[in-house]
């Protein structure tokens, strides 16, 4: 391990093999850092943070800070970040609210400079979050999502896998999987064909999803009518079934957010 002499490390912190800790880092109690992870200067890992192997954390990032939530009363909560994740300068990710709960970030993600992820958020794997994006509490971002710079995501919003959100968008409702969305109000304007291709989705299924997109968003039908027509006219696939189920579940919540249940 290469640990700079100015770093402050709690006695019970666990550092894996070949970890690098830069100048003026602070590593708190019960923190775990995986093998070969590199921490740049002035990185802060607060109590209860787990950081996976082969991660890169750039200068000034603060991970595992207490949630910005008035319900938080100091209970023990956690932040868990997977392997091979890149966190650029001044990224902030907060631990959860609620005894024993965790904010969770998956594997192979990149969060660019000054991005923020709030308490109790769940972020999948292979996700790219550009600079200055704000992810509110209790948000669920599924695998292979891309979010453009300066976008803001409302609490309890769910973003379906392989969706791509344009920069400076206001995301206050669930984002259907596989879609390109942008603007205010947020609207789908196409299918994320590049993302689907990179994920190995077959040309046949991509064509079926394109057909479903046209029915859902270009036919002039309401959602229920469009879903019925998609089910009747488009051949079934795992991806199409997932899209239909996602859209149907939105009605279980409030304000277009399926995770925002009546309280």
Protein backbone atom coordinates (compact mmCIF):
# COMPACT_ATOMS: atom_id res chain seq x y z
CA UNK A 1 0.00 0.00 0.00
CA UNK A 2 1.08 3.58 -0.68
CA UNK A 3 -0.39 5.78 2.06
CA UNK A 4 0.60 9.43 2.19
CA UNK A 5 1.93 10.61 5.53
CA UNK A 6 -0.76 13.29 5.83
CA UNK A 7 -3.69 10.86 5.49
CA UNK A 8 -5.85 10.27 8.59
CA UNK A 9 -7.15 6.70 8.86
CA UNK A 10 -9.37 5.28 11.62
CA UNK A 11 -7.84 2.31 13.44
CA UNK A 12 -10.64 -0.06 12.44
CA UNK A 13 -10.70 0.89 8.75
CA UNK A 14 -9.89 -2.03 6.43
CA UNK A 15 -7.73 -1.37 3.36
CA UNK A 16 -7.17 -4.05 0.73
CA UNK A 17 -3.91 -4.89 -1.00
CA UNK A 18 -2.18 -2.30 -3.19
CA UNK A 19 -4.52 0.50 -2.12
CA UNK A 20 -3.21 4.04 -2.72
CA UNK A 21 -4.23 6.84 -0.35
CA UNK A 22 -3.34 10.38 -1.41
CA UNK A 23 -2.44 13.48 0.61
CA UNK A 24 -4.88 14.71 3.25
CA UNK A 25 -7.38 11.90 2.82
CA UNK A 26 -9.67 11.10 5.76
CA UNK A 27 -10.90 7.52 6.17
CA UNK A 28 -13.46 7.03 8.93
CA UNK A 29 -14.50 4.24 11.24
CA UNK A 30 -15.63 0.88 9.82
CA UNK A 31 -14.70 1.90 6.28
CA UNK A 32 -13.63 -0.85 3.88
CA UNK A 33 -11.62 -0.19 0.71
CA UNK A 34 -11.11 -2.92 -1.87
CA UNK A 35 -7.89 -4.07 -3.50
CA UNK A 36 -6.03 -1.76 -5.89
CA UNK A 37 -8.39 1.17 -5.32
CA UNK A 38 -6.80 4.61 -5.65
CA UNK A 39 -7.85 7.61 -3.55
CA UNK A 40 -6.69 11.01 -4.78
CA UNK A 41 -5.91 13.97 -2.52
CA UNK A 42 -8.46 15.28 -0.04
CA UNK A 43 -10.87 12.34 -0.45
CA UNK A 44 -13.17 11.73 2.54
CA UNK A 45 -14.68 8.32 3.25
CA UNK A 46 -17.03 8.64 6.19
CA UNK A 47 -18.09 5.94 8.63
CA UNK A 48 -19.97 2.98 7.20
CA UNK A 49 -18.66 3.32 3.64
CA UNK A 50 -17.61 0.29 1.60
CA UNK A 51 -15.67 0.92 -1.61
CA UNK A 52 -14.98 -1.97 -3.96
CA UNK A 53 -11.86 -3.11 -5.78
CA UNK A 54 -10.14 -1.28 -8.67
CA UNK A 55 -12.00 1.97 -8.05
CA UNK A 56 -10.61 5.44 -8.75
CA UNK A 57 -11.71 8.34 -6.56
CA UNK A 58 -10.47 11.77 -7.57
CA UNK A 59 -9.64 14.85 -5.53
CA UNK A 60 -12.19 16.23 -3.12
CA UNK A 61 -14.81 13.49 -3.34
CA UNK A 62 -16.84 12.95 -0.15
CA UNK A 63 -18.43 9.50 0.21
CA UNK A 64 -20.77 8.32 2.94
CA UNK A 65 -21.65 11.67 4.45
CA UNK A 66 -24.83 11.89 6.55
CA UNK A 67 -28.01 12.25 4.49
CA UNK A 68 -29.52 15.64 3.81
CA UNK A 69 -32.79 14.49 5.33
CA UNK A 70 -34.54 15.93 8.36
CA UNK A 71 -35.79 12.43 9.26
CA UNK A 72 -32.22 11.28 9.88
CA UNK A 73 -31.50 11.10 13.62
CA UNK A 74 -28.03 9.60 13.63
CA UNK A 75 -29.01 5.94 13.17
CA UNK A 76 -26.41 3.57 11.73
CA UNK A 77 -26.66 3.52 7.95
CA UNK A 78 -24.32 2.68 5.08
CA UNK A 79 -22.96 3.47 1.65
CA UNK A 80 -21.89 0.55 -0.54
CA UNK A 81 -20.05 1.11 -3.82
CA UNK A 82 -19.08 -1.74 -6.13
CA UNK A 83 -15.96 -2.54 -8.13
CA UNK A 84 -14.25 -0.65 -10.96
CA UNK A 85 -16.18 2.55 -10.36
CA UNK A 86 -14.69 5.94 -11.26
CA UNK A 87 -15.70 8.92 -9.13
CA UNK A 88 -14.33 12.18 -10.43
CA UNK A 89 -13.52 15.41 -8.63
CA UNK A 90 -15.83 16.57 -5.82
CA UNK A 91 -18.43 13.82 -6.28
CA UNK A 92 -20.66 13.45 -3.20
CA UNK A 93 -22.68 10.37 -2.29
CA UNK A 94 -24.62 10.19 0.98
CA UNK A 95 -25.39 7.19 3.13
CA UNK A 96 -29.01 6.22 3.78
CA UNK A 97 -31.73 7.24 6.20
CA UNK A 98 -33.32 4.53 8.36
CA UNK A 99 -31.57 2.08 10.68
CA UNK A 100 -29.55 -0.47 8.72
CA UNK A 101 -30.41 0.94 5.29
CA UNK A 102 -27.85 1.61 2.56
CA UNK A 103 -27.29 3.77 -0.46
CA UNK A 104 -25.98 1.37 -3.11
CA UNK A 105 -23.88 2.01 -6.22
CA UNK A 106 -23.12 -0.96 -8.50
CA UNK A 107 -20.08 -1.90 -10.58
CA UNK A 108 -18.33 -0.29 -13.56
CA UNK A 109 -19.89 3.14 -13.15
CA UNK A 110 -18.57 6.62 -13.85
CA UNK A 111 -19.76 9.69 -11.97
CA UNK A 112 -18.21 12.83 -13.42
CA UNK A 113 -17.11 15.93 -11.54
CA UNK A 114 -19.50 17.44 -8.98
CA UNK A 115 -22.22 14.83 -9.45
CA UNK A 116 -24.33 14.08 -6.37
CA UNK A 117 -26.23 10.95 -5.30
CA UNK A 118 -28.63 11.34 -2.40
CA UNK A 119 -29.62 9.06 0.47
CA UNK A 120 -31.21 5.64 -0.11
CA UNK A 121 -30.59 5.84 -3.85
CA UNK A 122 -29.97 2.62 -5.77
CA UNK A 123 -27.73 2.90 -8.83
CA UNK A 124 -27.10 -0.15 -11.02
CA UNK A 125 -24.01 -1.06 -13.03
CA UNK A 126 -22.44 0.38 -16.19
CA UNK A 127 -24.11 3.73 -15.45
CA UNK A 128 -22.65 7.05 -16.62
CA UNK A 129 -23.65 10.22 -14.74
CA UNK A 130 -22.22 13.42 -16.18
CA UNK A 131 -21.00 16.50 -14.34
CA UNK A 132 -23.30 18.46 -12.04
CA UNK A 133 -26.11 15.91 -12.15
CA UNK A 134 -28.20 15.84 -8.96
CA UNK A 135 -29.75 12.51 -7.95
CA UNK A 136 -32.27 12.95 -5.14
CA UNK A 137 -33.05 10.53 -2.33
CA UNK A 138 -34.77 7.18 -2.93
CA UNK A 139 -34.11 7.28 -6.69
CA UNK A 140 -33.61 3.99 -8.55
CA UNK A 141 -31.34 4.09 -11.61
CA UNK A 142 -31.09 0.77 -13.42
CA UNK A 143 -28.21 -0.71 -15.44
CA UNK A 144 -26.60 1.02 -18.44
CA UNK A 145 -28.33 4.36 -17.94
CA UNK A 146 -26.66 7.55 -19.20
CA UNK A 147 -27.57 10.93 -17.67
CA UNK A 148 -26.39 14.15 -19.32
CA UNK A 149 -24.84 17.09 -17.49
CA UNK A 150 -26.81 19.39 -15.18
CA UNK A 151 -29.86 17.10 -15.14
CA UNK A 152 -31.87 16.93 -11.91
CA UNK A 153 -33.69 13.76 -10.83
CA UNK A 154 -36.62 14.07 -8.40
CA UNK A 155 -36.86 11.83 -5.35
CA UNK A 156 -38.54 8.41 -5.76
CA UNK A 157 -38.03 8.50 -9.53
CA UNK A 158 -37.17 5.24 -11.33
CA UNK A 159 -35.03 5.32 -14.46
CA UNK A 160 -35.34 2.14 -16.52
CA UNK A 161 -32.32 0.29 -17.87
CA UNK A 162 -30.56 1.56 -20.97
CA UNK A 163 -32.42 4.87 -20.88
CA UNK A 164 -30.51 7.99 -21.86
CA UNK A 165 -31.42 11.39 -20.38
CA UNK A 166 -30.37 14.57 -22.16
CA UNK A 167 -28.41 17.26 -20.39
CA UNK A 168 -30.20 19.95 -18.36
CA UNK A 169 -33.38 17.86 -18.16
CA UNK A 170 -35.78 18.01 -15.21
CA UNK A 171 -36.65 14.40 -14.37
CA UNK A 172 -39.79 14.40 -12.21
CA UNK A 173 -41.42 11.23 -13.55
CA UNK A 174 -40.23 7.70 -14.26
CA UNK A 175 -38.12 7.28 -17.38
CA UNK A 176 -39.09 4.19 -19.41
CA UNK A 177 -36.31 1.75 -20.28
CA UNK A 178 -34.52 1.92 -23.64
CA UNK A 179 -35.73 5.47 -24.38
CA UNK A 180 -33.96 8.70 -25.25
CA UNK A 181 -35.58 11.50 -23.24
CA UNK A 182 -34.89 15.17 -22.72
CA UNK A 183 -36.36 18.57 -21.97
CA UNK A 184 -39.11 19.97 -19.78
CA UNK A 185 -41.60 18.48 -19.73
CA UNK A 186 -39.54 15.33 -20.15
CA UNK A 187 -40.52 13.46 -23.31
CA UNK A 188 -39.22 10.42 -25.18
CA UNK A 189 -37.91 11.34 -28.62
CA UNK A 190 -36.48 8.03 -29.77
CA UNK A 191 -35.09 4.64 -28.89
CA UNK A 192 -31.57 4.27 -27.46
CA UNK A 193 -30.44 2.14 -30.39
CA UNK A 194 -26.73 2.61 -29.69
CA UNK A 195 -27.14 1.52 -26.07
CA UNK A 196 -29.19 -1.50 -27.08
CA UNK A 197 -26.62 -2.52 -29.67
CA UNK A 198 -23.75 -2.18 -27.19
CA UNK A 199 -25.67 -4.30 -24.70
CA UNK A 200 -25.98 -7.10 -27.25
CA UNK A 201 -29.70 -6.79 -27.94
CA UNK A 202 -30.42 -8.49 -31.27
CA UNK A 203 -31.50 -6.55 -34.39
CA UNK A 204 -34.83 -8.36 -34.32
CA UNK A 205 -35.61 -7.25 -30.78
CA UNK A 206 -34.41 -3.72 -31.53
CA UNK A 207 -36.84 -3.56 -34.43
CA UNK A 208 -39.67 -4.76 -32.19
CA UNK A 209 -38.84 -2.12 -29.57
CA UNK A 210 -38.84 0.56 -32.29
CA UNK A 211 -42.30 -0.57 -33.32
CA UNK A 212 -43.48 -0.46 -29.70
CA UNK A 213 -42.00 3.04 -29.32
CA UNK A 214 -43.96 4.32 -32.32
CA UNK A 215 -47.21 2.90 -30.93
CA UNK A 216 -46.60 4.21 -27.42
CA UNK A 217 -45.44 7.72 -28.27
CA UNK A 218 -46.41 8.52 -31.87
CA UNK A 219 -49.86 6.95 -32.37
CA UNK A 220 -51.91 9.46 -30.40
CA UNK A 221 -53.35 6.70 -28.19
CA UNK A 222 -53.56 6.97 -24.42
CA UNK A 223 -51.25 4.73 -22.44
CA UNK A 224 -53.72 1.93 -21.81
CA UNK A 225 -54.80 1.83 -25.45
CA UNK A 226 -51.19 1.87 -26.62
CA UNK A 227 -50.17 -0.94 -24.26
CA UNK A 228 -53.03 -3.08 -25.49
CA UNK A 229 -52.05 -2.48 -29.09
CA UNK A 230 -48.38 -3.25 -28.38
CA UNK A 231 -49.34 -6.52 -26.68
CA UNK A 232 -51.52 -7.44 -29.66
CA UNK A 233 -49.21 -6.43 -32.50
CA UNK A 234 -45.58 -6.68 -31.38
CA UNK A 235 -43.96 -10.12 -30.87
CA UNK A 236 -43.09 -10.82 -27.25
CA UNK A 237 -39.52 -10.66 -25.97
CA UNK A 238 -37.84 -10.30 -22.60
CA UNK A 239 -37.12 -6.64 -23.34
CA UNK A 240 -40.64 -5.84 -24.52
CA UNK A 241 -42.21 -7.59 -21.53
CA UNK A 242 -39.99 -5.57 -19.23
CA UNK A 243 -40.97 -2.30 -20.96
CA UNK A 244 -44.69 -3.07 -20.71
CA UNK A 245 -44.41 -4.09 -17.05
CA UNK A 246 -42.43 -0.93 -16.25
CA UNK A 247 -45.09 1.31 -17.80
CA UNK A 248 -47.93 -0.54 -16.08
CA UNK A 249 -46.27 -0.19 -12.67
CA UNK A 250 -46.10 3.59 -12.95
CA UNK A 251 -49.82 3.64 -12.15
CA UNK A 252 -49.07 2.07 -8.74
CA UNK A 253 -47.39 5.26 -7.52
CA UNK A 254 -48.11 8.98 -7.52
CA UNK A 255 -47.27 11.79 -9.93
CA UNK A 256 -45.82 9.40 -12.51
CA UNK A 257 -43.38 7.82 -10.05
CA UNK A 258 -44.04 4.18 -9.23
CA UNK A 259 -41.80 4.25 -6.14
CA UNK A 260 -43.65 7.26 -4.72
CA UNK A 261 -46.42 5.37 -2.93
CA UNK A 262 -49.17 7.12 -0.94
CA UNK A 263 -48.01 7.83 2.60
